N, C-alpha and C. Protein backbone atom coordinates (compact mmCIF):
# COMPACT_ATOMS: atom_id res chain seq x y z
N MET A 1 69.91 82.78 31.25
CA MET A 1 68.91 82.50 31.08
C MET A 1 69.33 80.83 31.30
N SER A 2 68.53 80.31 32.14
CA SER A 2 68.82 78.79 32.69
C SER A 2 68.40 77.73 31.35
N LYS A 3 69.13 76.49 31.56
CA LYS A 3 68.42 75.57 30.56
C LYS A 3 67.11 75.23 30.75
N GLN A 4 66.83 75.36 31.97
CA GLN A 4 65.24 74.90 32.50
C GLN A 4 64.44 76.15 31.93
N ASP A 5 64.78 77.08 31.98
CA ASP A 5 64.19 78.33 31.47
C ASP A 5 63.85 78.56 29.71
N ARG A 6 65.00 77.75 29.07
CA ARG A 6 65.13 77.90 27.81
C ARG A 6 64.00 76.59 27.28
N ASN A 7 63.89 75.63 27.94
CA ASN A 7 63.04 74.42 27.82
C ASN A 7 61.89 74.47 28.10
N GLU A 8 61.48 75.46 28.96
CA GLU A 8 60.06 75.71 29.89
C GLU A 8 59.01 75.36 28.39
N GLY A 9 58.17 74.71 28.67
CA GLY A 9 57.11 74.14 27.78
C GLY A 9 57.41 73.55 26.23
N LYS A 10 58.62 73.27 26.31
CA LYS A 10 59.26 72.27 25.26
C LYS A 10 59.28 70.95 25.67
N SER A 11 58.83 69.96 24.78
CA SER A 11 59.05 68.47 25.06
C SER A 11 60.29 68.17 24.83
N GLY A 12 60.81 67.02 25.45
CA GLY A 12 62.31 66.55 25.06
C GLY A 12 62.07 64.96 25.25
N ILE A 13 63.09 64.33 24.85
CA ILE A 13 63.13 62.93 25.13
C ILE A 13 63.98 62.75 26.25
N SER A 14 63.31 62.00 26.97
CA SER A 14 63.99 61.53 28.16
C SER A 14 65.34 61.00 28.40
N ASP A 15 66.32 61.55 29.16
CA ASP A 15 67.38 60.70 29.24
C ASP A 15 67.63 59.61 29.44
N LEU A 16 66.33 59.14 30.48
CA LEU A 16 66.35 57.57 30.95
C LEU A 16 66.35 56.75 29.71
N THR A 17 65.22 57.33 28.79
CA THR A 17 65.36 56.70 27.48
C THR A 17 66.57 56.26 26.75
N VAL A 18 67.10 57.34 26.60
CA VAL A 18 68.24 57.25 25.85
C VAL A 18 69.45 56.21 26.57
N ILE A 19 69.22 56.18 28.18
CA ILE A 19 70.27 55.24 28.91
C ILE A 19 69.62 53.75 28.34
N ALA A 20 68.57 53.79 28.61
CA ALA A 20 67.76 52.47 28.35
C ALA A 20 67.84 51.79 27.03
N LEU A 21 68.02 52.69 26.01
CA LEU A 21 68.19 52.21 24.58
C LEU A 21 69.71 51.53 24.40
N VAL A 22 70.56 52.28 24.91
CA VAL A 22 72.14 52.15 24.92
C VAL A 22 72.27 50.79 25.48
N THR A 23 71.89 50.91 27.06
CA THR A 23 72.22 49.65 27.83
C THR A 23 71.58 48.28 27.39
N SER A 24 70.24 48.57 26.80
CA SER A 24 69.36 47.23 26.43
C SER A 24 70.52 46.46 25.47
N ILE A 25 71.48 47.04 24.82
CA ILE A 25 72.15 46.60 23.68
C ILE A 25 73.67 46.03 24.19
N LEU A 26 73.94 46.94 25.38
CA LEU A 26 75.31 46.54 25.62
C LEU A 26 74.86 45.61 27.03
N VAL A 27 74.07 45.87 27.80
CA VAL A 27 73.99 45.09 29.20
C VAL A 27 72.35 44.90 29.22
N PRO A 28 71.79 43.62 28.29
CA PRO A 28 70.37 43.89 28.01
C PRO A 28 69.81 43.41 29.37
N PRO A 29 69.83 42.86 30.50
CA PRO A 29 69.07 43.05 31.62
C PRO A 29 68.94 44.41 32.46
N VAL A 30 69.95 45.28 32.26
CA VAL A 30 69.96 46.43 32.66
C VAL A 30 68.77 47.59 31.88
N GLY A 31 69.20 47.18 30.58
CA GLY A 31 68.35 47.98 29.71
C GLY A 31 66.85 47.46 29.74
N TRP A 32 66.64 46.63 30.11
CA TRP A 32 65.24 45.94 29.86
C TRP A 32 64.43 46.64 31.18
N VAL A 33 65.23 46.79 32.24
CA VAL A 33 64.42 47.29 33.66
C VAL A 33 64.36 48.84 33.51
N THR A 34 65.69 49.34 32.90
CA THR A 34 65.62 50.71 32.59
C THR A 34 64.56 51.13 31.49
N GLY A 35 64.26 50.29 30.71
CA GLY A 35 63.15 50.83 29.63
C GLY A 35 61.81 50.64 30.15
N PHE A 36 61.69 49.84 31.19
CA PHE A 36 60.24 49.90 32.18
C PHE A 36 60.18 50.96 32.60
N ARG A 37 61.27 51.58 33.26
CA ARG A 37 61.53 52.74 33.94
C ARG A 37 61.16 54.16 33.19
N ALA A 38 61.67 53.73 32.05
CA ALA A 38 61.50 55.15 30.95
C ALA A 38 60.14 55.63 30.78
N ARG A 39 59.57 53.98 30.22
CA ARG A 39 58.24 54.53 29.83
C ARG A 39 57.36 55.06 30.90
N LYS A 40 57.35 54.42 32.26
CA LYS A 40 56.74 55.06 33.22
C LYS A 40 57.06 56.08 33.53
N GLN A 41 58.35 57.03 33.35
CA GLN A 41 58.51 58.29 33.42
C GLN A 41 57.88 59.21 32.56
N ILE A 42 57.82 58.55 31.06
CA ILE A 42 57.47 59.31 29.83
C ILE A 42 55.83 59.41 30.22
N VAL A 43 55.07 58.41 30.86
CA VAL A 43 53.78 58.36 30.62
C VAL A 43 53.45 59.58 31.99
N GLU A 44 54.09 59.23 33.04
CA GLU A 44 53.67 60.31 33.97
C GLU A 44 54.12 61.85 34.03
N SER A 45 54.86 62.02 33.03
CA SER A 45 55.60 63.43 32.81
C SER A 45 54.49 64.40 32.27
N ASP A 46 53.25 63.97 31.75
CA ASP A 46 52.31 64.70 31.31
C ASP A 46 52.61 65.61 30.20
N GLY A 47 53.40 64.81 28.95
CA GLY A 47 53.97 65.46 28.04
C GLY A 47 55.20 66.13 27.85
N LYS A 48 56.03 66.24 29.16
CA LYS A 48 57.02 66.99 29.28
C LYS A 48 58.31 65.91 28.41
N TYR A 49 58.15 64.85 28.63
CA TYR A 49 58.99 63.94 27.95
C TYR A 49 58.50 63.17 26.96
N VAL A 50 59.11 62.92 25.88
CA VAL A 50 58.78 62.39 24.63
C VAL A 50 59.88 60.97 24.38
N GLY A 51 59.66 59.97 23.53
CA GLY A 51 60.28 58.97 23.36
C GLY A 51 59.98 57.90 23.67
N ARG A 52 58.54 57.65 23.95
CA ARG A 52 58.04 56.13 24.32
C ARG A 52 58.44 55.09 23.33
N PRO A 53 58.47 55.26 22.30
CA PRO A 53 58.79 54.11 20.99
C PRO A 53 60.29 53.89 21.29
N PHE A 54 61.12 54.64 21.76
CA PHE A 54 62.51 54.29 22.16
C PHE A 54 62.40 53.48 23.64
N ALA A 55 61.66 53.77 24.43
CA ALA A 55 61.63 53.09 25.53
C ALA A 55 60.83 51.70 25.42
N VAL A 56 60.18 51.55 24.54
CA VAL A 56 59.34 50.31 24.11
C VAL A 56 60.31 49.30 23.53
N ALA A 57 60.94 49.80 22.72
CA ALA A 57 62.38 49.39 21.62
C ALA A 57 63.29 48.82 22.77
N ALA A 58 63.91 49.61 23.82
CA ALA A 58 64.38 49.22 25.05
C ALA A 58 64.29 47.86 25.60
N ILE A 59 62.60 48.04 25.98
CA ILE A 59 62.16 46.89 26.62
C ILE A 59 62.45 45.66 25.83
N TRP A 60 61.87 45.57 24.62
CA TRP A 60 61.74 44.67 23.43
C TRP A 60 63.32 43.74 23.30
N ILE A 61 64.24 45.05 22.86
CA ILE A 61 65.71 44.49 22.89
C ILE A 61 66.32 43.89 24.07
N GLY A 62 66.39 44.42 25.11
CA GLY A 62 66.73 43.87 26.52
C GLY A 62 65.79 42.65 26.67
N GLY A 63 64.59 42.64 26.22
CA GLY A 63 63.91 41.34 26.73
C GLY A 63 64.29 40.50 26.12
N ILE A 64 64.43 40.48 24.54
CA ILE A 64 64.71 39.37 23.73
C ILE A 64 66.22 38.83 23.94
N ILE A 65 66.95 39.66 24.10
CA ILE A 65 68.59 39.21 24.44
C ILE A 65 68.76 38.47 25.72
N THR A 66 68.07 39.25 26.74
CA THR A 66 68.06 38.41 28.03
C THR A 66 67.63 37.39 28.02
N THR A 67 66.50 37.01 27.42
CA THR A 67 65.81 35.69 27.02
C THR A 67 66.72 34.69 26.65
N ALA A 68 67.56 35.05 25.17
CA ALA A 68 68.43 34.47 24.74
C ALA A 68 69.81 33.81 25.52
N TRP A 69 70.36 34.81 26.26
CA TRP A 69 71.00 34.26 27.26
C TRP A 69 70.63 33.52 28.28
N LEU A 70 69.40 33.63 28.72
CA LEU A 70 69.19 32.74 29.76
C LEU A 70 68.91 31.30 29.11
N LEU A 71 68.08 31.16 27.81
CA LEU A 71 68.06 29.69 27.19
C LEU A 71 69.45 29.55 26.88
N PHE A 72 70.44 30.10 26.40
CA PHE A 72 71.62 29.41 26.26
C PHE A 72 72.23 29.04 27.32
N ALA A 73 72.03 29.64 28.61
CA ALA A 73 73.01 29.17 30.02
C ALA A 73 72.33 28.04 29.99
N ILE A 74 70.78 27.70 29.96
CA ILE A 74 70.29 26.49 30.30
C ILE A 74 70.36 25.60 29.34
N LEU A 75 70.71 25.44 28.18
CA LEU A 75 71.03 24.65 27.19
C LEU A 75 72.63 23.78 27.27
N MET A 76 73.17 24.99 27.71
CA MET A 76 74.63 24.57 27.99
C MET A 76 74.65 23.78 29.21
N GLY A 77 73.99 24.11 30.21
CA GLY A 77 74.07 23.57 31.28
C GLY A 77 73.30 21.99 31.14
N LEU A 78 72.37 21.83 30.38
CA LEU A 78 71.75 20.57 29.90
C LEU A 78 72.68 19.60 29.40
N GLY A 79 73.07 20.61 28.36
CA GLY A 79 74.18 19.61 27.28
C GLY A 79 75.48 19.23 28.17
N THR A 80 75.84 19.97 29.13
CA THR A 80 77.12 19.35 30.08
C THR A 80 76.68 18.28 30.90
N SER A 81 75.48 18.59 31.41
CA SER A 81 75.15 17.34 32.38
C SER A 81 74.70 16.00 31.53
N MET A 82 74.20 16.37 30.30
CA MET A 82 73.96 14.83 29.58
C MET A 82 75.38 14.51 28.86
N SER A 83 76.20 15.31 28.67
CA SER A 83 77.34 14.82 27.98
C SER A 83 77.94 13.71 29.04
N HIS A 84 77.86 13.68 30.40
CA HIS A 84 78.33 12.85 31.20
C HIS A 84 77.53 11.51 31.43
N ASP A 85 76.38 11.02 30.77
CA ASP A 85 75.82 10.12 30.77
C ASP A 85 76.43 9.31 29.75
N ASP A 86 76.02 7.93 29.69
CA ASP A 86 76.40 7.03 28.73
C ASP A 86 76.48 7.19 27.42
N GLY A 87 75.21 7.89 26.68
CA GLY A 87 75.02 8.17 25.51
C GLY A 87 75.31 9.79 25.06
N GLY A 88 75.06 10.54 25.96
CA GLY A 88 75.19 11.93 25.82
C GLY A 88 74.06 12.33 24.57
N PHE A 89 74.56 13.27 23.38
CA PHE A 89 74.22 13.67 22.69
C PHE A 89 74.52 12.92 21.26
N GLY A 90 74.68 11.46 21.51
CA GLY A 90 75.19 10.62 20.43
C GLY A 90 76.49 11.12 19.80
N GLY A 91 77.68 11.67 20.77
CA GLY A 91 78.70 11.81 20.34
C GLY A 91 78.95 13.45 20.39
N PHE A 92 78.15 13.99 20.68
CA PHE A 92 78.23 15.71 20.63
C PHE A 92 78.52 15.85 22.04
N GLY A 93 79.76 16.33 22.57
CA GLY A 93 80.08 16.65 23.33
C GLY A 93 80.40 15.40 24.70
N GLY A 94 80.78 14.16 24.28
CA GLY A 94 80.92 13.22 25.02
C GLY A 94 80.33 11.97 24.99
N GLY A 95 80.17 11.39 25.83
CA GLY A 95 79.57 9.90 26.16
C GLY A 95 80.62 9.02 25.48
N HIS A 96 80.17 8.04 24.78
CA HIS A 96 81.18 6.86 24.36
C HIS A 96 82.34 6.46 25.51
N ARG A 97 81.89 5.82 26.36
CA ARG A 97 82.65 5.72 27.45
C ARG A 97 83.82 4.27 27.12
N ALA A 98 83.56 3.50 26.13
CA ALA A 98 84.74 2.91 25.63
C ALA A 98 85.66 3.50 25.07
N HIS A 99 85.80 4.65 24.50
CA HIS A 99 86.67 5.45 24.04
C HIS A 99 87.46 6.11 24.88
N MET A 100 86.97 6.68 26.05
CA MET A 100 87.34 7.61 27.01
C MET A 100 88.76 7.31 27.74
N GLY A 101 89.72 8.21 27.52
CA GLY A 101 90.88 8.06 28.05
C GLY A 101 91.85 7.53 27.17
N GLN A 102 91.30 7.20 25.73
CA GLN A 102 92.14 6.53 25.06
C GLN A 102 92.87 7.79 23.85
N GLY A 103 92.22 8.65 24.01
CA GLY A 103 92.58 9.69 22.92
C GLY A 103 92.18 9.50 21.58
N TRP A 104 92.84 10.16 20.39
CA TRP A 104 92.30 9.61 19.09
C TRP A 104 92.57 8.37 18.89
N ALA A 105 93.46 7.72 19.37
CA ALA A 105 93.77 6.33 19.11
C ALA A 105 92.65 5.28 19.43
N GLY A 106 91.83 5.54 20.31
CA GLY A 106 90.32 4.74 20.41
C GLY A 106 89.72 4.82 19.38
N TYR A 107 89.84 5.72 18.56
CA TYR A 107 88.87 5.82 17.34
C TYR A 107 89.26 5.12 15.91
N ALA A 108 90.55 4.47 16.24
CA ALA A 108 91.06 4.04 14.90
C ALA A 108 90.71 2.59 14.70
N PRO A 109 90.39 2.00 13.87
CA PRO A 109 89.91 0.75 13.87
C PRO A 109 90.99 -0.35 14.25
N GLN A 110 90.22 -1.49 14.68
CA GLN A 110 91.36 -2.51 15.45
C GLN A 110 92.64 -2.93 14.24
N GLY A 111 93.67 -3.08 14.51
CA GLY A 111 94.48 -3.43 13.82
C GLY A 111 95.45 -2.68 13.11
N GLN A 112 94.61 -1.09 13.39
CA GLN A 112 95.47 0.11 12.85
C GLN A 112 96.10 1.08 13.72
N ARG A 113 96.27 0.43 14.72
CA ARG A 113 96.63 1.30 16.13
C ARG A 113 98.34 1.17 16.24
N GLY A 114 99.14 1.94 15.39
CA GLY A 114 100.44 1.48 15.03
C GLY A 114 101.07 2.10 16.32
N ASN A 115 101.01 3.53 16.79
CA ASN A 115 101.65 3.90 17.82
C ASN A 115 100.99 3.47 19.31
N GLN A 116 102.02 2.66 19.99
CA GLN A 116 101.46 2.27 21.02
C GLN A 116 101.28 3.42 22.25
N GLY A 117 101.85 4.54 22.17
CA GLY A 117 102.01 5.53 22.99
C GLY A 117 100.58 6.24 22.99
N PHE A 118 99.70 6.27 21.86
CA PHE A 118 98.70 6.83 21.55
C PHE A 118 97.68 5.73 22.16
N ASN A 119 97.94 4.70 22.43
CA ASN A 119 96.79 3.72 23.14
C ASN A 119 96.81 3.98 24.78
N GLN A 120 97.95 4.58 25.17
CA GLN A 120 98.09 4.56 26.62
C GLN A 120 97.39 5.91 26.93
N GLY A 121 96.38 6.23 26.60
CA GLY A 121 96.14 7.98 27.52
C GLY A 121 96.05 8.90 26.18
N GLY A 122 95.99 8.55 24.81
CA GLY A 122 95.84 9.83 24.02
C GLY A 122 96.79 10.24 23.56
N PHE A 123 97.22 11.46 23.55
CA PHE A 123 98.54 12.30 23.11
C PHE A 123 99.28 12.21 24.26
N GLY A 124 98.94 12.25 25.33
CA GLY A 124 99.70 12.43 26.46
C GLY A 124 100.66 11.42 26.84
N GLY A 125 100.06 10.21 26.35
CA GLY A 125 100.99 8.91 26.43
C GLY A 125 102.42 8.64 25.54
N ALA A 126 101.99 9.72 24.51
CA ALA A 126 103.04 9.37 23.86
C ALA A 126 104.12 10.60 23.77
N MET A 127 103.74 11.70 24.42
CA MET A 127 104.47 12.75 24.26
C MET A 127 106.01 12.75 25.33
N GLY A 128 106.87 13.11 24.75
CA GLY A 128 108.47 12.87 25.48
C GLY A 128 108.80 11.43 25.60
N GLN A 129 108.19 10.46 25.23
CA GLN A 129 108.67 9.19 25.24
C GLN A 129 108.98 8.68 23.98
N PRO A 130 110.57 8.32 23.83
CA PRO A 130 110.73 7.54 22.56
C PRO A 130 110.37 6.23 22.59
N GLN A 131 109.96 6.01 21.37
CA GLN A 131 109.06 4.60 20.69
C GLN A 131 110.39 3.61 20.20
N ASP A 132 110.13 2.56 20.65
CA ASP A 132 111.18 1.37 19.80
C ASP A 132 110.52 0.92 18.70
N PRO A 133 111.33 1.29 17.61
CA PRO A 133 110.54 0.82 16.19
C PRO A 133 110.19 -0.64 16.32
N ASN A 134 110.85 -1.46 16.82
CA ASN A 134 110.41 -2.78 16.86
C ASN A 134 109.26 -3.50 17.81
N SER A 135 108.45 -2.13 18.43
CA SER A 135 107.62 -2.51 19.48
C SER A 135 106.23 -2.53 18.84
N SER A 136 106.10 -1.81 17.30
CA SER A 136 104.84 -1.94 16.90
C SER A 136 104.12 -3.09 16.63
N THR A 137 102.55 -2.87 16.50
CA THR A 137 101.84 -3.79 16.41
C THR A 137 101.37 -4.40 14.75
N ASN A 138 102.16 -3.03 13.88
CA ASN A 138 101.57 -3.46 12.76
C ASN A 138 102.52 -4.60 12.18
N PRO A 139 101.98 -5.01 10.84
CA PRO A 139 102.68 -6.28 10.36
C PRO A 139 104.13 -5.49 9.70
């Protein structure tokens, strides 16, 4: 007796529905599209397949996560392009052209920038260069 003969007249969950539900979590865009296909397969099966709630769940999960990915990518793109402006996000991610290229020394108050290597290009200016103790600007 074949598997098809044993399941004759019985309804079962669609394989496509299970695939849609799993892929909606692992690869949301694929799960989203597969969920629509699974729902269509269930509707057209005339009761042979069940699992419409799972197909709808795959559509929702895949759609929400895909939308979140897209929004995140758009916001990251906007943040990157805005951080190259003069102000950016007010210090979040860049801006502050007066201090760029000075490393952490650019943020020290005037008169307290003891290590001249830090004033000449951030940490890179001081690395590997011995400092003369008499060249400090501190009193």
